[in-house]
Amino acid sequence: MNKRTILPRWKLPYIAFLGSVFALASVLGRSEPEAKTPQVAPPQAEYTQSIAGIGVIEPKSELVSIGVELSGVVRSVMVQVGDVVKKGDVLFRLDERDIDAQIETLEKSLMSAKIQAADAAAQYATVTGLDDMRAIAKDEVNRRRYAKELATSRIEEIKAQLNHARTTKARLSIRAPMDGEVLEVNVRPGEFASAGALPQPLIRMGDVSTMHVRVEIDEEYASHVHEHSKAQAMRRGNSDERLPLTFVRFEPYIKPKQNLAVANQSVDTRVMQVIYALPQQNVKMYIGQQMDVFIDHNEAGMP
């Protein structure tokens, strides 16, 4: 039978003391991490006092999401990212084979209806051209007149169907609603395009002739910002470059904050959005790029 080794009680305090000394030495021996100097200086306004906000670059026209009115398979895509298009230019086309077959059938039906209408008109003209109307029954005259009118009505009906089919075909060619630049293409030939609102637009475009920046100002400062307030913007990572902004408009609807400065920032803040125009610069600006915007405190009329 094995006997357990029992340490004398007087040794236990010494063992505990040695363990504490070892733990303390380990903690003190750790080197303190060196404080990292930020590579880019934080943005600072030139104004003595200012209202700060986060802005997002967008096209002059805002972002335009392109969808389809009719669902179908994409047959061809005519544009790619970066293309400049004019209003009415075709962006992409859906499969037109079914509607082409309908149009061809209706065109043949229209031709047949015109022949029938011409025959009915000739038969009616024959009875109305008689010198003696007593030579033919009145019912026969009415029958031929009705046949002529029915044939004419049939022509108009087919024409309406043909116009509807041609309109449907035109809707299968998705065109640019405005002059602008193609910013995003999320559709490929062979894919199925669904009508209605989509989580990701098939094509995104906008008028980038002038860039705007949409700035979110906290609700508590909304009444202190005016259209004559001076404002400047700085791109993230380039705080030395200060771009003067030109006021465009206020968005009258106060809404929840969307652009957060830090990950743990409260999302229940409500903001007013102000739109400013960026100056024409040789520096490349990107849609969706965030900017640090400062509005002159004094110009804003704050106390």
Protein backbone atom coordinates (compact mmCIF):
# COMPACT_ATOMS: atom_id res chain seq x y z
CA MET A 1 0.00 0.00 0.00
CA ASN A 2 1.40 3.34 -1.17
CA LYS A 3 1.70 6.01 1.41
CA ARG A 4 1.11 9.63 0.44
CA THR A 5 3.99 11.97 1.10
CA ILE A 6 2.87 14.69 3.45
CA LEU A 7 4.86 17.92 3.58
CA PRO A 8 5.55 19.30 7.00
CA ARG A 9 3.28 22.20 7.80
CA TRP A 10 6.18 24.56 8.41
CA LYS A 11 7.24 24.29 4.70
CA LEU A 12 3.89 25.48 3.27
CA PRO A 13 4.36 29.23 4.01
CA TYR A 14 7.81 29.16 2.37
CA ILE A 15 6.42 27.55 -0.79
CA ALA A 16 3.61 30.13 -0.99
CA PHE A 17 6.11 32.96 -0.48
CA LEU A 18 8.40 31.69 -3.25
CA GLY A 19 5.41 31.39 -5.63
CA SER A 20 4.37 34.99 -4.93
CA VAL A 21 7.90 36.24 -5.57
CA PHE A 22 8.04 34.37 -8.88
CA ALA A 23 4.67 35.75 -10.02
CA LEU A 24 5.66 39.32 -9.09
CA ALA A 25 8.96 39.00 -10.96
CA SER A 26 7.15 37.74 -14.06
CA VAL A 27 4.77 40.71 -14.06
CA LEU A 28 7.49 43.30 -13.48
CA GLY A 29 9.70 41.71 -16.11
CA ARG A 30 7.23 42.30 -18.89
CA SER A 31 8.19 45.18 -21.14
CA GLU A 32 5.64 47.91 -21.53
CA PRO A 33 4.39 48.20 -25.15
CA GLU A 34 5.61 51.32 -26.82
CA ALA A 35 2.93 53.87 -27.56
CA LYS A 36 2.30 53.96 -31.28
CA THR A 37 2.44 57.33 -32.91
CA PRO A 38 -0.45 57.74 -35.36
CA GLN A 39 0.77 57.75 -38.95
CA VAL A 40 -1.69 60.49 -39.90
CA ALA A 41 -2.46 63.50 -37.76
CA PRO A 42 -6.12 63.75 -36.74
CA PRO A 43 -8.13 66.30 -38.72
CA GLN A 44 -8.37 69.78 -37.25
CA ALA A 45 -10.38 72.74 -38.44
CA GLU A 46 -8.87 76.12 -39.23
CA TYR A 47 -11.76 77.80 -37.46
CA THR A 48 -11.46 78.81 -33.82
CA GLN A 49 -14.72 77.03 -33.09
CA SER A 50 -16.49 74.67 -35.43
CA ILE A 51 -19.26 72.13 -35.85
CA ALA A 52 -17.89 68.79 -37.01
CA GLY A 53 -19.64 66.15 -39.06
CA ILE A 54 -18.92 63.14 -41.21
CA GLY A 55 -19.61 63.54 -44.92
CA VAL A 56 -19.92 61.00 -47.71
CA ILE A 57 -19.11 61.84 -51.33
CA GLU A 58 -21.94 61.28 -53.81
CA PRO A 59 -22.78 62.32 -57.38
CA LYS A 60 -24.57 65.57 -58.11
CA SER A 61 -27.65 63.55 -59.05
CA GLU A 62 -27.26 61.23 -56.03
CA LEU A 63 -26.88 57.53 -56.75
CA VAL A 64 -29.40 56.21 -59.28
CA SER A 65 -30.21 52.50 -59.00
CA ILE A 66 -31.26 50.89 -62.28
CA GLY A 67 -33.72 47.98 -62.29
CA VAL A 68 -36.14 46.36 -64.72
CA GLU A 69 -39.88 46.77 -65.20
CA LEU A 70 -40.31 43.23 -66.53
CA SER A 71 -38.53 40.13 -65.26
CA GLY A 72 -36.44 38.19 -67.75
CA VAL A 73 -33.12 36.69 -68.73
CA VAL A 74 -30.37 39.18 -69.56
CA ARG A 75 -29.31 38.77 -73.16
CA SER A 76 -26.59 41.42 -73.49
CA VAL A 77 -24.90 44.14 -71.41
CA MET A 78 -23.73 47.20 -73.34
CA VAL A 79 -21.84 49.10 -70.64
CA GLN A 80 -19.12 48.60 -68.08
CA VAL A 81 -17.95 50.50 -65.03
CA GLY A 82 -16.57 53.91 -65.94
CA ASP A 83 -18.54 54.34 -69.17
CA VAL A 84 -20.09 57.77 -69.72
CA VAL A 85 -23.61 57.48 -71.14
CA LYS A 86 -26.26 59.84 -72.45
CA LYS A 87 -29.92 59.82 -71.54
CA GLY A 88 -31.64 57.10 -73.59
CA ASP A 89 -28.53 54.99 -74.23
CA VAL A 90 -29.17 51.25 -73.87
CA LEU A 91 -27.50 49.81 -70.77
CA PHE A 92 -28.55 46.19 -71.21
CA ARG A 93 -31.24 44.11 -72.91
CA LEU A 94 -33.43 41.24 -71.78
CA ASP A 95 -34.31 38.26 -73.98
CA GLU A 96 -36.70 39.47 -76.72
CA ARG A 97 -37.41 36.20 -78.55
CA ASP A 98 -40.88 35.63 -77.09
CA ILE A 99 -42.07 39.16 -77.78
CA ASP A 100 -40.54 39.10 -81.27
CA ALA A 101 -42.62 35.99 -82.03
CA GLN A 102 -45.76 37.74 -80.75
CA ILE A 103 -45.06 40.79 -82.89
CA GLU A 104 -44.54 38.66 -85.99
CA THR A 105 -47.84 36.84 -85.37
CA LEU A 106 -49.72 40.10 -84.85
CA GLU A 107 -48.25 41.64 -88.00
CA LYS A 108 -49.51 38.69 -90.04
CA SER A 109 -52.89 38.90 -88.34
CA LEU A 110 -53.06 42.60 -89.19
CA MET A 111 -52.31 41.89 -92.83
CA SER A 112 -55.07 39.25 -92.92
CA ALA A 113 -57.53 41.59 -91.19
CA LYS A 114 -56.86 44.32 -93.75
CA ILE A 115 -57.62 41.90 -96.58
CA GLN A 116 -60.86 40.84 -94.91
CA ALA A 117 -61.80 44.47 -94.32
CA ALA A 118 -61.17 45.32 -97.97
CA ASP A 119 -63.35 42.39 -99.06
CA ALA A 120 -66.15 43.39 -96.68
CA ALA A 121 -65.97 46.99 -97.89
CA ALA A 122 -66.17 45.83 -101.52
CA GLN A 123 -69.21 43.65 -100.83
CA TYR A 124 -70.96 46.48 -99.05
CA ALA A 125 -70.15 48.88 -101.90
CA THR A 126 -71.68 46.41 -104.35
CA VAL A 127 -75.11 46.47 -102.70
CA THR A 128 -75.09 50.21 -102.01
CA GLY A 129 -74.21 50.92 -105.63
CA LEU A 130 -77.32 49.27 -107.09
CA ASP A 131 -79.62 51.52 -109.06
CA ASP A 132 -82.66 49.82 -107.63
CA MET A 133 -82.32 49.00 -103.93
CA ARG A 134 -85.44 46.88 -104.17
CA ALA A 135 -83.34 44.25 -105.94
CA ILE A 136 -81.77 43.19 -102.60
CA ALA A 137 -83.23 42.62 -99.19
CA LYS A 138 -82.67 45.27 -96.55
CA ASP A 139 -81.35 42.62 -94.14
CA GLU A 140 -78.64 41.71 -96.62
CA VAL A 141 -77.57 45.35 -96.88
CA ASN A 142 -77.37 45.60 -93.09
CA ARG A 143 -75.45 42.32 -92.85
CA ARG A 144 -72.80 43.54 -95.26
CA ARG A 145 -72.55 46.89 -93.48
CA TYR A 146 -72.05 45.15 -90.15
CA ALA A 147 -69.42 42.87 -91.69
CA LYS A 148 -67.56 45.92 -92.99
CA GLU A 149 -67.68 47.66 -89.61
CA LEU A 150 -66.62 44.49 -87.79
CA ALA A 151 -63.64 44.04 -90.12
CA THR A 152 -62.59 47.65 -89.55
CA SER A 153 -62.91 47.21 -85.79
CA ARG A 154 -60.80 44.06 -85.98
CA ILE A 155 -58.01 46.03 -87.65
CA GLU A 156 -58.02 48.59 -84.83
CA GLU A 157 -57.98 45.84 -82.22
CA ILE A 158 -54.94 44.13 -83.77
CA LYS A 159 -53.17 47.49 -84.13
CA ALA A 160 -53.66 48.11 -80.40
CA GLN A 161 -52.28 44.66 -79.57
CA LEU A 162 -49.32 45.27 -81.88
CA ASN A 163 -48.56 48.63 -80.28
CA HIS A 164 -48.71 47.02 -76.84
CA ALA A 165 -46.31 44.28 -77.93
CA ARG A 166 -43.88 46.82 -79.38
CA THR A 167 -44.06 48.84 -76.16
CA THR A 168 -43.31 45.68 -74.19
CA LYS A 169 -40.31 45.00 -76.41
CA ALA A 170 -39.05 48.54 -75.84
CA ARG A 171 -39.28 47.96 -72.08
CA LEU A 172 -36.92 44.99 -72.44
CA SER A 173 -34.18 47.45 -73.43
CA ILE A 174 -33.11 49.18 -70.22
CA ARG A 175 -31.93 52.71 -71.00
CA ALA A 176 -30.08 55.38 -69.07
CA PRO A 177 -32.57 57.77 -67.41
CA MET A 178 -30.05 60.61 -67.47
CA ASP A 179 -26.59 61.69 -68.57
CA GLY A 180 -23.97 60.27 -66.25
CA GLU A 181 -21.29 57.70 -65.51
CA VAL A 182 -21.77 54.00 -64.85
CA LEU A 183 -20.47 53.41 -61.32
CA GLU A 184 -21.38 49.77 -60.70
CA VAL A 185 -22.51 46.83 -62.84
CA ASN A 186 -24.03 43.81 -61.10
CA VAL A 187 -25.63 42.06 -64.07
CA ARG A 188 -24.20 39.58 -66.57
CA PRO A 189 -25.58 37.95 -69.74
CA GLY A 190 -27.54 34.83 -68.90
CA GLU A 191 -28.56 35.98 -65.42
CA PHE A 192 -32.22 36.36 -64.47
CA ALA A 193 -33.22 39.93 -63.69
CA SER A 194 -36.20 40.29 -61.36
CA ALA A 195 -38.55 43.24 -61.48
CA GLY A 196 -39.11 45.30 -58.35
CA ALA A 197 -36.85 46.54 -55.58
CA LEU A 198 -33.60 44.58 -55.22
CA PRO A 199 -31.10 44.51 -52.32
CA GLN A 200 -28.37 45.21 -54.88
CA PRO A 201 -29.18 47.28 -57.98
CA LEU A 202 -28.40 45.80 -61.38
CA ILE A 203 -26.61 48.99 -62.40
CA ARG A 204 -25.73 52.06 -60.37
CA MET A 205 -24.97 55.37 -62.06
CA GLY A 206 -24.89 59.09 -61.40
CA ASP A 207 -23.99 62.54 -62.68
CA VAL A 208 -20.40 63.01 -61.53
CA SER A 209 -19.82 66.29 -63.36
CA THR A 210 -19.89 67.83 -59.88
CA MET A 211 -19.26 65.91 -56.68
CA HIS A 212 -21.38 66.55 -53.62
CA VAL A 213 -20.71 65.63 -50.01
CA ARG A 214 -23.63 64.70 -47.76
CA VAL A 215 -22.83 65.80 -44.21
CA GLU A 216 -24.57 64.57 -41.07
CA ILE A 217 -24.95 67.20 -38.33
CA ASP A 218 -26.18 66.17 -34.89
CA GLU A 219 -29.75 67.22 -34.23
CA GLU A 220 -28.76 69.48 -31.33
CA TYR A 221 -26.74 71.69 -33.70
CA ALA A 222 -29.28 71.70 -36.55
CA SER A 223 -30.74 75.10 -35.70
CA HIS A 224 -27.27 76.70 -35.64
CA VAL A 225 -26.17 75.77 -39.16
CA HIS A 226 -27.05 78.22 -41.93
CA GLU A 227 -26.55 78.27 -45.67
CA HIS A 228 -24.02 81.12 -45.35
CA SER A 229 -21.81 79.21 -42.90
CA LYS A 230 -18.29 78.62 -44.15
CA ALA A 231 -17.36 74.96 -44.39
CA GLN A 232 -14.36 72.88 -45.38
CA ALA A 233 -13.71 69.17 -45.86
CA MET A 234 -10.72 66.87 -45.54
CA ARG A 235 -10.33 63.42 -46.99
CA ARG A 236 -9.56 60.63 -44.57
CA GLY A 237 -5.80 60.15 -44.34
CA ASN A 238 -5.01 63.56 -45.86
CA SER A 239 -5.76 66.13 -43.19
CA ASP A 240 -3.40 68.71 -44.74
CA GLU A 241 -5.67 69.09 -47.77
CA ARG A 242 -8.56 71.39 -46.97
CA LEU A 243 -11.30 71.74 -49.56
CA PRO A 244 -13.69 74.71 -49.36
CA LEU A 245 -17.32 73.67 -49.70
CA THR A 246 -20.24 75.43 -51.38
CA PHE A 247 -23.68 75.09 -49.82
CA VAL A 248 -26.29 73.35 -51.98
CA ARG A 249 -29.30 72.54 -49.80
CA PHE A 250 -30.62 71.17 -46.52
CA GLU A 251 -32.46 67.86 -46.34
CA PRO A 252 -35.56 68.85 -44.33
CA TYR A 253 -36.05 65.42 -42.77
CA ILE A 254 -34.23 64.58 -39.53
CA LYS A 255 -33.23 60.91 -39.58
CA PRO A 256 -31.16 58.41 -37.56
CA LYS A 257 -27.39 58.69 -37.89
CA GLN A 258 -25.91 56.38 -40.54
CA ASN A 259 -22.21 57.28 -40.63
CA LEU A 260 -20.51 56.36 -37.38
CA ALA A 261 -17.14 57.84 -36.43
CA VAL A 262 -16.21 54.81 -34.30
CA ALA A 263 -17.55 51.29 -34.07
CA ASN A 264 -19.01 51.67 -30.56
CA GLN A 265 -20.73 54.99 -31.23
CA SER A 266 -24.41 55.20 -30.32
CA VAL A 267 -26.73 54.60 -33.25
CA ASP A 268 -29.77 56.31 -31.73
CA THR A 269 -28.46 59.79 -32.58
CA ARG A 270 -30.63 61.74 -35.01
CA VAL A 271 -29.03 64.02 -37.56
CA MET A 272 -29.78 66.68 -40.13
CA GLN A 273 -28.17 66.20 -43.54
CA VAL A 274 -26.57 69.12 -45.37
CA ILE A 275 -25.45 68.88 -48.99
CA TYR A 276 -22.32 70.75 -50.10
CA ALA A 277 -20.62 70.90 -53.50
CA LEU A 278 -16.94 70.01 -53.69
CA PRO A 279 -14.62 72.22 -55.75
CA GLN A 280 -13.32 70.97 -59.09
CA GLN A 281 -10.03 69.27 -58.27
CA ASN A 282 -7.46 67.27 -60.21
CA VAL A 283 -7.37 64.88 -57.25
CA LYS A 284 -9.42 61.74 -57.80
CA MET A 285 -12.51 61.55 -55.63
CA TYR A 286 -14.41 58.31 -55.05
CA ILE A 287 -18.13 57.90 -54.60
CA GLY A 288 -18.85 56.72 -51.05
CA GLN A 289 -15.57 58.08 -49.68
CA GLN A 290 -15.88 59.58 -46.20
CA MET A 291 -14.68 63.09 -45.38
CA ASP A 292 -14.24 65.06 -42.18
CA VAL A 293 -16.27 68.25 -42.50
CA PHE A 294 -16.04 71.34 -40.31
CA ILE A 295 -18.48 74.26 -40.31
CA ASP A 296 -17.36 77.59 -38.90
CA HIS A 297 -18.81 77.94 -35.40
CA ASN A 298 -19.00 81.72 -35.54
CA GLU A 299 -20.47 81.79 -39.02
CA ALA A 300 -23.06 79.29 -37.86
CA GLY A 301 -24.26 81.85 -35.36
CA MET A 302 -23.83 79.64 -32.32
CA PRO A 303 -23.61 81.36 -28.92
